[in-house]
Amino acid sequence: MFCRLKQKLTLLLGTACLLGLCACDGGIKVKGHVYAQKDSIGDSQALVDQSRSPDANLSPIKGAKVTLYHAGDYSKEKAERSELRSDSTLTASDGSFEVGGLTSPFRFNAGLVIEKDGYKPITKVFLHDKIDHEAIVILVPESVK
């Protein structure tokens, strides 16, 4: 009888260990467009999950680097950039991009960094609380001195 109890406990412990090792990954994806403002007035801006139609005086930017990163667990504190979970891409000729990958299945702060030579870079930290996000980015040219 002791042997059967030992076998059941071993089986139960083994099953619990396997369940504990199963990963529960989540996902994140940001799609959008990067546009250039014609004048160098103001700062670059990024809108995530906010409706806005691009102005007629904006033009798409090809080759802007878009980096998405996990900025830490959800909190009101300043989010730190992490290299642990990040993905980068370059924008297409129409300024479009799609970036993302596997990540935590929980809510957290995510960061979107957009950079292009000759333009003011922008970092936008946003709450990741769903898989798909949309972004409109407007880069402002650097001032020529």
Protein backbone atom coordinates (compact mmCIF):
# COMPACT_ATOMS: atom_id res chain seq x y z
CA MET A 1 0.00 0.00 0.00
CA PHE A 2 2.82 2.39 0.82
CA CYS A 3 4.32 1.70 -2.62
CA ARG A 4 1.04 2.67 -4.40
CA LEU A 5 0.78 5.86 -2.36
CA LYS A 6 4.38 6.73 -3.23
CA GLN A 7 3.67 6.15 -6.96
CA LYS A 8 0.56 8.38 -6.85
CA LEU A 9 2.44 11.13 -5.04
CA THR A 10 5.30 10.92 -7.53
CA LEU A 11 2.85 11.11 -10.45
CA LEU A 12 1.03 14.04 -8.86
CA LEU A 13 4.29 15.89 -8.16
CA GLY A 14 5.53 15.24 -11.69
CA THR A 15 2.30 16.55 -13.21
CA ALA A 16 2.45 19.67 -11.03
CA CYS A 17 6.04 20.32 -12.13
CA LEU A 18 5.11 19.98 -15.82
CA LEU A 19 2.21 22.37 -15.43
CA GLY A 20 4.50 24.84 -13.68
CA LEU A 21 6.97 24.72 -16.54
CA CYS A 22 4.37 25.45 -19.21
CA ALA A 23 4.92 28.96 -20.51
CA CYS A 24 1.99 31.28 -20.83
CA ASP A 25 3.21 33.78 -23.39
CA GLY A 26 1.28 36.75 -24.64
CA GLY A 27 1.72 38.81 -27.75
CA ILE A 28 1.99 42.42 -28.82
CA LYS A 29 1.76 43.99 -32.27
CA VAL A 30 1.89 47.63 -33.29
CA LYS A 31 1.00 48.65 -36.85
CA GLY A 32 1.00 52.14 -38.15
CA HIS A 33 2.57 54.84 -40.28
CA VAL A 34 5.40 57.33 -39.84
CA TYR A 35 5.03 60.74 -41.47
CA ALA A 36 7.28 63.77 -41.84
CA GLN A 37 6.17 67.26 -40.93
CA LYS A 38 7.42 69.86 -43.42
CA ASP A 39 8.58 72.50 -40.94
CA SER A 40 10.81 72.11 -37.88
CA ILE A 41 8.38 73.72 -35.43
CA GLY A 42 7.55 71.67 -32.33
CA ASP A 43 8.47 68.17 -31.28
CA SER A 44 7.86 64.81 -32.89
CA GLN A 45 4.78 63.00 -31.64
CA ALA A 46 3.41 59.47 -31.53
CA LEU A 47 -0.22 58.56 -31.00
CA VAL A 48 -0.94 54.98 -29.95
CA ASP A 49 -4.52 53.72 -30.04
CA GLN A 50 -5.85 57.22 -30.70
CA SER A 51 -7.85 58.12 -33.78
CA ARG A 52 -6.33 60.76 -36.00
CA SER A 53 -6.24 61.27 -39.73
CA PRO A 54 -2.89 62.47 -41.04
CA ASP A 55 -2.83 66.05 -42.31
CA ALA A 56 -2.41 66.74 -46.02
CA ASN A 57 0.92 68.52 -45.41
CA LEU A 58 2.53 65.32 -44.08
CA SER A 59 4.56 62.95 -46.22
CA PRO A 60 5.42 59.30 -45.50
CA ILE A 61 8.94 58.49 -44.35
CA LYS A 62 10.77 55.46 -45.72
CA GLY A 63 13.50 53.83 -43.64
CA ALA A 64 12.62 55.17 -40.20
CA LYS A 65 13.66 52.75 -37.45
CA VAL A 66 10.76 51.65 -35.24
CA THR A 67 11.62 49.77 -32.05
CA LEU A 68 9.05 48.23 -29.71
CA TYR A 69 10.18 47.22 -26.24
CA HIS A 70 8.80 45.89 -22.96
CA ALA A 71 9.09 48.78 -20.52
CA GLY A 72 8.30 46.89 -17.33
CA ASP A 73 5.31 45.79 -15.35
CA TYR A 74 2.39 48.17 -15.27
CA SER A 75 2.95 50.93 -12.74
CA LYS A 76 2.74 54.69 -12.51
CA GLU A 77 6.53 54.94 -12.20
CA LYS A 78 8.77 55.91 -15.11
CA ALA A 79 9.20 53.05 -17.55
CA GLU A 80 12.73 51.92 -18.34
CA ARG A 81 13.83 50.78 -21.78
CA SER A 82 14.59 47.08 -21.86
CA GLU A 83 16.67 45.13 -24.34
CA LEU A 84 15.24 41.89 -22.93
CA ARG A 85 12.11 41.95 -25.08
CA SER A 86 12.43 44.23 -28.06
CA ASP A 87 11.87 44.12 -31.80
CA SER A 88 12.80 46.61 -34.53
CA THR A 89 11.86 47.23 -38.14
CA LEU A 90 12.21 49.90 -40.83
CA THR A 91 9.28 51.69 -42.41
CA ALA A 92 8.27 50.88 -46.00
CA SER A 93 8.07 53.47 -48.80
CA ASP A 94 4.54 54.44 -47.73
CA GLY A 95 5.72 54.95 -44.12
CA SER A 96 3.97 51.82 -42.88
CA PHE A 97 5.38 49.44 -40.29
CA GLU A 98 4.42 46.42 -38.24
CA VAL A 99 6.45 45.36 -35.23
CA GLY A 100 5.84 42.96 -32.36
CA GLY A 101 6.37 39.52 -30.95
CA LEU A 102 5.94 37.28 -27.92
CA THR A 103 5.74 38.95 -24.55
CA SER A 104 4.16 38.75 -21.13
CA PRO A 105 0.48 37.77 -21.09
CA PHE A 106 -0.26 40.55 -18.59
CA ARG A 107 -0.78 44.30 -18.78
CA PHE A 108 2.48 46.23 -18.86
CA ASN A 109 4.06 49.41 -20.12
CA ALA A 110 5.41 49.14 -23.65
CA GLY A 111 7.61 51.64 -25.41
CA LEU A 112 7.77 52.66 -29.05
CA VAL A 113 10.91 54.46 -30.25
CA ILE A 114 10.99 56.04 -33.72
CA GLU A 115 14.26 57.37 -35.15
CA LYS A 116 15.38 58.71 -38.53
CA ASP A 117 18.47 60.77 -39.35
CA GLY A 118 17.55 64.42 -39.78
CA TYR A 119 14.43 64.17 -37.58
CA LYS A 120 13.75 64.61 -33.87
CA PRO A 121 13.34 61.11 -32.35
CA ILE A 122 10.32 60.21 -30.25
CA THR A 123 9.74 57.66 -27.49
CA LYS A 124 6.13 56.86 -26.63
CA VAL A 125 5.37 54.71 -23.57
CA PHE A 126 1.86 53.25 -23.56
CA LEU A 127 -0.20 50.71 -21.66
CA HIS A 128 -0.22 47.31 -23.33
CA ASP A 129 -3.60 45.85 -22.42
CA LYS A 130 -4.54 44.14 -25.70
CA ILE A 131 -2.63 42.38 -28.47
CA ASP A 132 -3.08 44.77 -31.42
CA HIS A 133 -2.22 48.46 -31.27
CA GLU A 134 -2.28 51.17 -33.94
CA ALA A 135 0.09 54.12 -34.14
CA ILE A 136 0.43 57.35 -36.08
CA VAL A 137 3.85 58.97 -35.79
CA ILE A 138 4.79 62.45 -36.97
CA LEU A 139 8.51 63.22 -37.05
CA VAL A 140 9.65 66.83 -37.06
CA PRO A 141 12.83 67.78 -38.97
CA GLU A 142 15.77 68.90 -36.85
CA SER A 143 16.46 72.62 -37.00
CA VAL A 144 19.23 73.66 -39.37
CA LYS A 145 21.53 76.15 -37.60
